[in-house]
């Protein structure tokens, strides 16, 4: 995963979580999968490399 210098604070993580939850509510149940794919692709592009994103996908699939 990312190095500790790039990690968000707990407060920032809570802010991101709240924004994500609100955006999912706004998108609605029928559009949530499309929204999440668009968000994931935008974040993958922001990372600038495929490998960190692929590692994040693997981690996110754990313990679902």
PDB file of N, CA and C in Angstrom:
ATOM      1  N   UNK A   1       0.831  -1.184   0.000  1.00  0.00           N
ATOM      2  CA  UNK A   1       0.000   0.000   0.000  1.00  0.00           C
ATOM      3  C   UNK A   1       0.874   1.244   0.000  1.00  0.00           C
ATOM      4  N   UNK A   2       0.280   2.384   0.203  1.00  0.00           N
ATOM      5  CA  UNK A   2       1.031   3.627   0.166  1.00  0.00           C
ATOM      6  C   UNK A   2       1.943   3.760   1.370  1.00  0.00           C
ATOM      7  N   UNK A   3       2.987   4.564   1.223  1.00  0.00           N
ATOM      8  CA  UNK A   3       3.863   4.810   2.350  1.00  0.00           C
ATOM      9  C   UNK A   3       3.143   5.678   3.373  1.00  0.00           C
ATOM     10  N   UNK A   4       3.621   5.649   4.616  1.00  0.00           N
ATOM     11  CA  UNK A   4       2.947   6.371   5.689  1.00  0.00           C
ATOM     12  C   UNK A   4       2.906   7.874   5.437  1.00  0.00           C
ATOM     13  N   UNK A   5       3.865   8.416   4.707  1.00  0.00           N
ATOM     14  CA  UNK A   5       3.855   9.850   4.438  1.00  0.00           C
ATOM     15  C   UNK A   5       2.696  10.257   3.538  1.00  0.00           C
ATOM     16  N   UNK A   6       2.100   9.299   2.817  1.00  0.00           N
ATOM     17  CA  UNK A   6       0.984   9.579   1.925  1.00  0.00           C
ATOM     18  C   UNK A   6      -0.369   9.199   2.518  1.00  0.00           C
ATOM     19  N   UNK A   7      -0.387   8.714   3.747  1.00  0.00           N
ATOM     20  CA  UNK A   7      -1.644   8.275   4.339  1.00  0.00           C
ATOM     21  C   UNK A   7      -2.425   9.454   4.908  1.00  0.00           C
ATOM     22  N   UNK A   8      -3.740   9.331   4.848  1.00  0.00           N
ATOM     23  CA  UNK A   8      -4.622  10.349   5.395  1.00  0.00           C
ATOM     24  C   UNK A   8      -4.697  10.227   6.914  1.00  0.00           C
ATOM     25  N   UNK A   9      -5.015  11.330   7.555  1.00  0.00           N
ATOM     26  CA  UNK A   9      -5.275  11.288   8.987  1.00  0.00           C
ATOM     27  C   UNK A   9      -6.640  10.630   9.217  1.00  0.00           C
ATOM     28  N   UNK A  10      -6.923  10.262  10.457  1.00  0.00           N
ATOM     29  CA  UNK A  10      -8.230   9.689  10.790  1.00  0.00           C
ATOM     30  C   UNK A  10      -9.341  10.682  10.443  1.00  0.00           C
ATOM     31  N   UNK A  11      -9.143  11.943  10.762  1.00  0.00           N
ATOM     32  CA  UNK A  11     -10.151  12.963  10.429  1.00  0.00           C
ATOM     33  C   UNK A  11     -10.383  13.050   8.925  1.00  0.00           C
ATOM     34  N   UNK A  12      -9.309  13.004   8.146  1.00  0.00           N
ATOM     35  CA  UNK A  12      -9.449  13.040   6.692  1.00  0.00           C
ATOM     36  C   UNK A  12     -10.142  11.787   6.170  1.00  0.00           C
ATOM     37  N   UNK A  13      -9.824  10.621   6.740  1.00  0.00           N
ATOM     38  CA  UNK A  13     -10.504   9.387   6.341  1.00  0.00           C
ATOM     39  C   UNK A  13     -11.998   9.474   6.636  1.00  0.00           C
ATOM     40  N   UNK A  14     -12.360  10.037   7.775  1.00  0.00           N
ATOM     41  CA  UNK A  14     -13.776  10.206   8.104  1.00  0.00           C
ATOM     42  C   UNK A  14     -14.454  11.156   7.125  1.00  0.00           C
ATOM     43  N   UNK A  15     -13.755  12.209   6.732  1.00  0.00           N
ATOM     44  CA  UNK A  15     -14.294  13.151   5.748  1.00  0.00           C
ATOM     45  C   UNK A  15     -14.528  12.454   4.413  1.00  0.00           C
ATOM     46  N   UNK A  16     -13.548  11.671   3.977  1.00  0.00           N
ATOM     47  CA  UNK A  16     -13.671  10.925   2.718  1.00  0.00           C
ATOM     48  C   UNK A  16     -14.816   9.921   2.805  1.00  0.00           C
ATOM     49  N   UNK A  17     -14.904   9.213   3.923  1.00  0.00           N
ATOM     50  CA  UNK A  17     -15.979   8.234   4.115  1.00  0.00           C
ATOM     51  C   UNK A  17     -17.343   8.920   4.030  1.00  0.00           C
ATOM     52  N   UNK A  18     -17.489  10.039   4.722  1.00  0.00           N
ATOM     53  CA  UNK A  18     -18.760  10.766   4.699  1.00  0.00           C
ATOM     54  C   UNK A  18     -19.108  11.236   3.292  1.00  0.00           C
ATOM     55  N   UNK A  19     -18.128  11.764   2.562  1.00  0.00           N
ATOM     56  CA  UNK A  19     -18.368  12.227   1.192  1.00  0.00           C
ATOM     57  C   UNK A  19     -18.755  11.064   0.283  1.00  0.00           C
ATOM     58  N   UNK A  20     -18.096   9.930   0.462  1.00  0.00           N
ATOM     59  CA  UNK A  20     -18.415   8.748  -0.345  1.00  0.00           C
ATOM     60  C   UNK A  20     -19.821   8.242  -0.041  1.00  0.00           C
ATOM     61  N   UNK A  21     -20.165   8.169   1.237  1.00  0.00           N
ATOM     62  CA  UNK A  21     -21.504   7.721   1.608  1.00  0.00           C
ATOM     63  C   UNK A  21     -22.576   8.642   1.042  1.00  0.00           C
ATOM     64  N   UNK A  22     -22.345   9.939   1.118  1.00  0.00           N
ATOM     65  CA  UNK A  22     -23.306  10.902   0.580  1.00  0.00           C
ATOM     66  C   UNK A  22     -23.420  10.772  -0.939  1.00  0.00           C
ATOM     67  N   UNK A  23     -22.298  10.608  -1.619  1.00  0.00           N
ATOM     68  CA  UNK A  23     -22.313  10.465  -3.081  1.00  0.00           C
ATOM     69  C   UNK A  23     -23.049   9.192  -3.501  1.00  0.00           C
ATOM     70  N   UNK A  24     -22.872   8.106  -2.750  1.00  0.00           N
ATOM     71  CA  UNK A  24     -23.593   6.857  -3.048  1.00  0.00           C
ATOM     72  C   UNK A  24     -25.090   7.070  -2.880  1.00  0.00           C
ATOM     73  N   UNK A  25     -25.478   7.786  -1.827  1.00  0.00           N
ATOM     74  CA  UNK A  25     -26.902   8.091  -1.640  1.00  0.00           C
ATOM     75  C   UNK A  25     -27.444   8.931  -2.791  1.00  0.00           C
ATOM     76  N   UNK A  26     -26.678   9.931  -3.223  1.00  0.00           N
ATOM     77  CA  UNK A  26     -27.104  10.789  -4.330  1.00  0.00           C
ATOM     78  C   UNK A  26     -27.217   9.990  -5.629  1.00  0.00           C
ATOM     79  N   UNK A  27     -26.261   9.112  -5.880  1.00  0.00           N
ATOM     80  CA  UNK A  27     -26.275   8.306  -7.109  1.00  0.00           C
ATOM     81  C   UNK A  27     -27.486   7.387  -7.149  1.00  0.00           C
ATOM     82  N   UNK A  28     -27.896   6.888  -5.998  1.00  0.00           N
ATOM     83  CA  UNK A  28     -29.016   5.952  -5.940  1.00  0.00           C
ATOM     84  C   UNK A  28     -28.555   4.529  -6.204  1.00  0.00           C
ATOM     85  N   UNK A  29     -29.352   3.594  -5.743  1.00  0.00           N
ATOM     86  CA  UNK A  29     -28.982   2.173  -5.816  1.00  0.00           C
ATOM     87  C   UNK A  29     -28.714   1.703  -7.248  1.00  0.00           C
ATOM     88  N   UNK A  30     -29.494   2.197  -8.208  1.00  0.00           N
ATOM     89  CA  UNK A  30     -29.332   1.733  -9.588  1.00  0.00           C
ATOM     90  C   UNK A  30     -28.071   2.274 -10.257  1.00  0.00           C
ATOM     91  N   UNK A  31     -27.561   3.411  -9.797  1.00  0.00           N
ATOM     92  CA  UNK A  31     -26.373   4.015 -10.410  1.00  0.00           C
ATOM     93  C   UNK A  31     -25.105   3.845  -9.564  1.00  0.00           C
ATOM     94  N   UNK A  32     -25.227   3.264  -8.377  1.00  0.00           N
ATOM     95  CA  UNK A  32     -24.066   3.117  -7.501  1.00  0.00           C
ATOM     96  C   UNK A  32     -22.924   2.331  -8.143  1.00  0.00           C
ATOM     97  N   UNK A  33     -23.187   1.182  -8.785  1.00  0.00           N
ATOM     98  CA  UNK A  33     -22.061   0.474  -9.413  1.00  0.00           C
ATOM     99  C   UNK A  33     -21.331   1.320 -10.458  1.00  0.00           C
ATOM    100  N   UNK A  34     -22.072   2.044 -11.288  1.00  0.00           N
ATOM    101  CA  UNK A  34     -21.452   2.904 -12.301  1.00  0.00           C
ATOM    102  C   UNK A  34     -20.641   4.017 -11.634  1.00  0.00           C
ATOM    103  N   UNK A  35     -21.208   4.648 -10.606  1.00  0.00           N
ATOM    104  CA  UNK A  35     -20.491   5.687  -9.874  1.00  0.00           C
ATOM    105  C   UNK A  35     -19.186   5.153  -9.302  1.00  0.00           C
ATOM    106  N   UNK A  36     -19.227   3.978  -8.674  1.00  0.00           N
ATOM    107  CA  UNK A  36     -18.024   3.428  -8.049  1.00  0.00           C
ATOM    108  C   UNK A  36     -16.949   3.074  -9.077  1.00  0.00           C
ATOM    109  N   UNK A  37     -17.367   2.590 -10.240  1.00  0.00           N
ATOM    110  CA  UNK A  37     -16.399   2.289 -11.297  1.00  0.00           C
ATOM    111  C   UNK A  37     -15.760   3.583 -11.800  1.00  0.00           C
ATOM    112  N   UNK A  38     -16.585   4.605 -12.024  1.00  0.00           N
ATOM    113  CA  UNK A  38     -16.040   5.895 -12.468  1.00  0.00           C
ATOM    114  C   UNK A  38     -15.069   6.467 -11.432  1.00  0.00           C
ATOM    115  N   UNK A  39     -15.446   6.385 -10.166  1.00  0.00           N
ATOM    116  CA  UNK A  39     -14.589   6.884  -9.100  1.00  0.00           C
ATOM    117  C   UNK A  39     -13.276   6.109  -9.039  1.00  0.00           C
ATOM    118  N   UNK A  40     -13.367   4.789  -9.170  1.00  0.00           N
ATOM    119  CA  UNK A  40     -12.162   3.957  -9.139  1.00  0.00           C
ATOM    120  C   UNK A  40     -11.232   4.295 -10.294  1.00  0.00           C
ATOM    121  N   UNK A  41     -11.785   4.489 -11.485  1.00  0.00           N
ATOM    122  CA  UNK A  41     -10.948   4.823 -12.643  1.00  0.00           C
ATOM    123  C   UNK A  41     -10.305   6.191 -12.493  1.00  0.00           C
ATOM    124  N   UNK A  42     -11.040   7.151 -11.958  1.00  0.00           N
ATOM    125  CA  UNK A  42     -10.461   8.472 -11.714  1.00  0.00           C
ATOM    126  C   UNK A  42      -9.314   8.388 -10.708  1.00  0.00           C
ATOM    127  N   UNK A  43      -9.497   7.588  -9.658  1.00  0.00           N
ATOM    128  CA  UNK A  43      -8.443   7.450  -8.656  1.00  0.00           C
ATOM    129  C   UNK A  43      -7.259   6.658  -9.185  1.00  0.00           C
ATOM    130  N   UNK A  44      -7.516   5.652 -10.015  1.00  0.00           N
ATOM    131  CA  UNK A  44      -6.417   4.913 -10.632  1.00  0.00           C
ATOM    132  C   UNK A  44      -5.590   5.845 -11.507  1.00  0.00           C
ATOM    133  N   UNK A  45      -6.265   6.694 -12.256  1.00  0.00           N
ATOM    134  CA  UNK A  45      -5.566   7.656 -13.099  1.00  0.00           C
ATOM    135  C   UNK A  45      -4.753   8.639 -12.254  1.00  0.00           C
ATOM    136  N   UNK A  46      -5.315   9.067 -11.120  1.00  0.00           N
ATOM    137  CA  UNK A  46      -4.608   9.990 -10.234  1.00  0.00           C
ATOM    138  C   UNK A  46      -3.365   9.348  -9.629  1.00  0.00           C
ATOM    139  N   UNK A  47      -3.406   8.025  -9.386  1.00  0.00           N
ATOM    140  CA  UNK A  47      -2.222   7.334  -8.884  1.00  0.00           C
ATOM    141  C   UNK A  47      -1.100   7.350  -9.913  1.00  0.00           C
ATOM    142  N   UNK A  48      -1.470   7.286 -11.187  1.00  0.00           N
ATOM    143  CA  UNK A  48      -0.481   7.374 -12.250  1.00  0.00           C
ATOM    144  C   UNK A  48       0.233   6.076 -12.569  1.00  0.00           C
ATOM    145  N   UNK A  49      -0.124   5.002 -11.873  1.00  0.00           N
ATOM    146  CA  UNK A  49       0.488   3.693 -12.114  1.00  0.00           C
ATOM    147  C   UNK A  49      -0.567   2.618 -11.864  1.00  0.00           C
ATOM    148  N   UNK A  50      -0.565   1.588 -12.675  1.00  0.00           N
ATOM    149  CA  UNK A  50      -1.552   0.516 -12.516  1.00  0.00           C
ATOM    150  C   UNK A  50      -1.283  -0.358 -11.291  1.00  0.00           C
ATOM    151  N   UNK A  51      -0.021  -0.626 -10.992  1.00  0.00           N
ATOM    152  CA  UNK A  51       0.295  -1.596  -9.937  1.00  0.00           C
ATOM    153  C   UNK A  51      -0.238  -1.207  -8.557  1.00  0.00           C
ATOM    154  N   UNK A  52      -0.098   0.035  -8.097  1.00  0.00           N
ATOM    155  CA  UNK A  52      -0.683   0.360  -6.791  1.00  0.00           C
ATOM    156  C   UNK A  52      -2.201   0.174  -6.777  1.00  0.00           C
ATOM    157  N   UNK A  53      -2.854   0.536  -7.874  1.00  0.00           N
ATOM    158  CA  UNK A  53      -4.299   0.359  -7.942  1.00  0.00           C
ATOM    159  C   UNK A  53      -4.666  -1.121  -7.872  1.00  0.00           C
ATOM    160  N   UNK A  54      -3.947  -1.952  -8.610  1.00  0.00           N
ATOM    161  CA  UNK A  54      -4.219  -3.389  -8.586  1.00  0.00           C
ATOM    162  C   UNK A  54      -4.011  -3.965  -7.190  1.00  0.00           C
ATOM    163  N   UNK A  55      -3.004  -3.474  -6.482  1.00  0.00           N
ATOM    164  CA  UNK A  55      -2.774  -3.915  -5.103  1.00  0.00           C
ATOM    165  C   UNK A  55      -3.937  -3.491  -4.208  1.00  0.00           C
ATOM    166  N   UNK A  56      -4.444  -2.285  -4.417  1.00  0.00           N
ATOM    167  CA  UNK A  56      -5.576  -1.798  -3.620  1.00  0.00           C
ATOM    168  C   UNK A  56      -6.824  -2.633  -3.893  1.00  0.00           C
ATOM    169  N   UNK A  57      -7.046  -3.019  -5.142  1.00  0.00           N
ATOM    170  CA  UNK A  57      -8.189  -3.877  -5.484  1.00  0.00           C
ATOM    171  C   UNK A  57      -8.090  -5.202  -4.724  1.00  0.00           C
ATOM    172  N   UNK A  58      -6.902  -5.785  -4.727  1.00  0.00           N
ATOM    173  CA  UNK A  58      -6.703  -7.064  -4.028  1.00  0.00           C
ATOM    174  C   UNK A  58      -6.974  -6.917  -2.532  1.00  0.00           C
ATOM    175  N   UNK A  59      -6.481  -5.848  -1.938  1.00  0.00           N
ATOM    176  CA  UNK A  59      -6.699  -5.615  -0.507  1.00  0.00           C
ATOM    177  C   UNK A  59      -8.176  -5.397  -0.208  1.00  0.00           C
ATOM    178  N   UNK A  60      -8.852  -4.617  -1.067  1.00  0.00           N
ATOM    179  CA  UNK A  60     -10.263  -4.306  -0.837  1.00  0.00           C
ATOM    180  C   UNK A  60     -11.144  -5.548  -0.944  1.00  0.00           C
ATOM    181  N   UNK A  61     -10.722  -6.551  -1.696  1.00  0.00           N
ATOM    182  CA  UNK A  61     -11.509  -7.777  -1.829  1.00  0.00           C
ATOM    183  C   UNK A  61     -11.394  -8.684  -0.608  1.00  0.00           C
ATOM    184  N   UNK A  62     -10.413  -8.458   0.211  1.00  0.00           N
ATOM    185  CA  UNK A  62     -10.224  -9.303   1.395  1.00  0.00           C
ATOM    186  C   UNK A  62     -11.361  -9.091   2.384  1.00  0.00           C
ATOM    187  N   UNK A  63     -11.809 -10.170   2.963  1.00  0.00           N
ATOM    188  CA  UNK A  63     -12.786 -10.168   4.062  1.00  0.00           C
ATOM    189  C   UNK A  63     -14.106  -9.471   3.725  1.00  0.00           C
ATOM    190  N   UNK A  64     -14.565  -9.612   2.477  1.00  0.00           N
ATOM    191  CA  UNK A  64     -15.881  -9.037   2.129  1.00  0.00           C
ATOM    192  C   UNK A  64     -16.992  -9.893   2.712  1.00  0.00           C
TER     193      UNK A  64
END
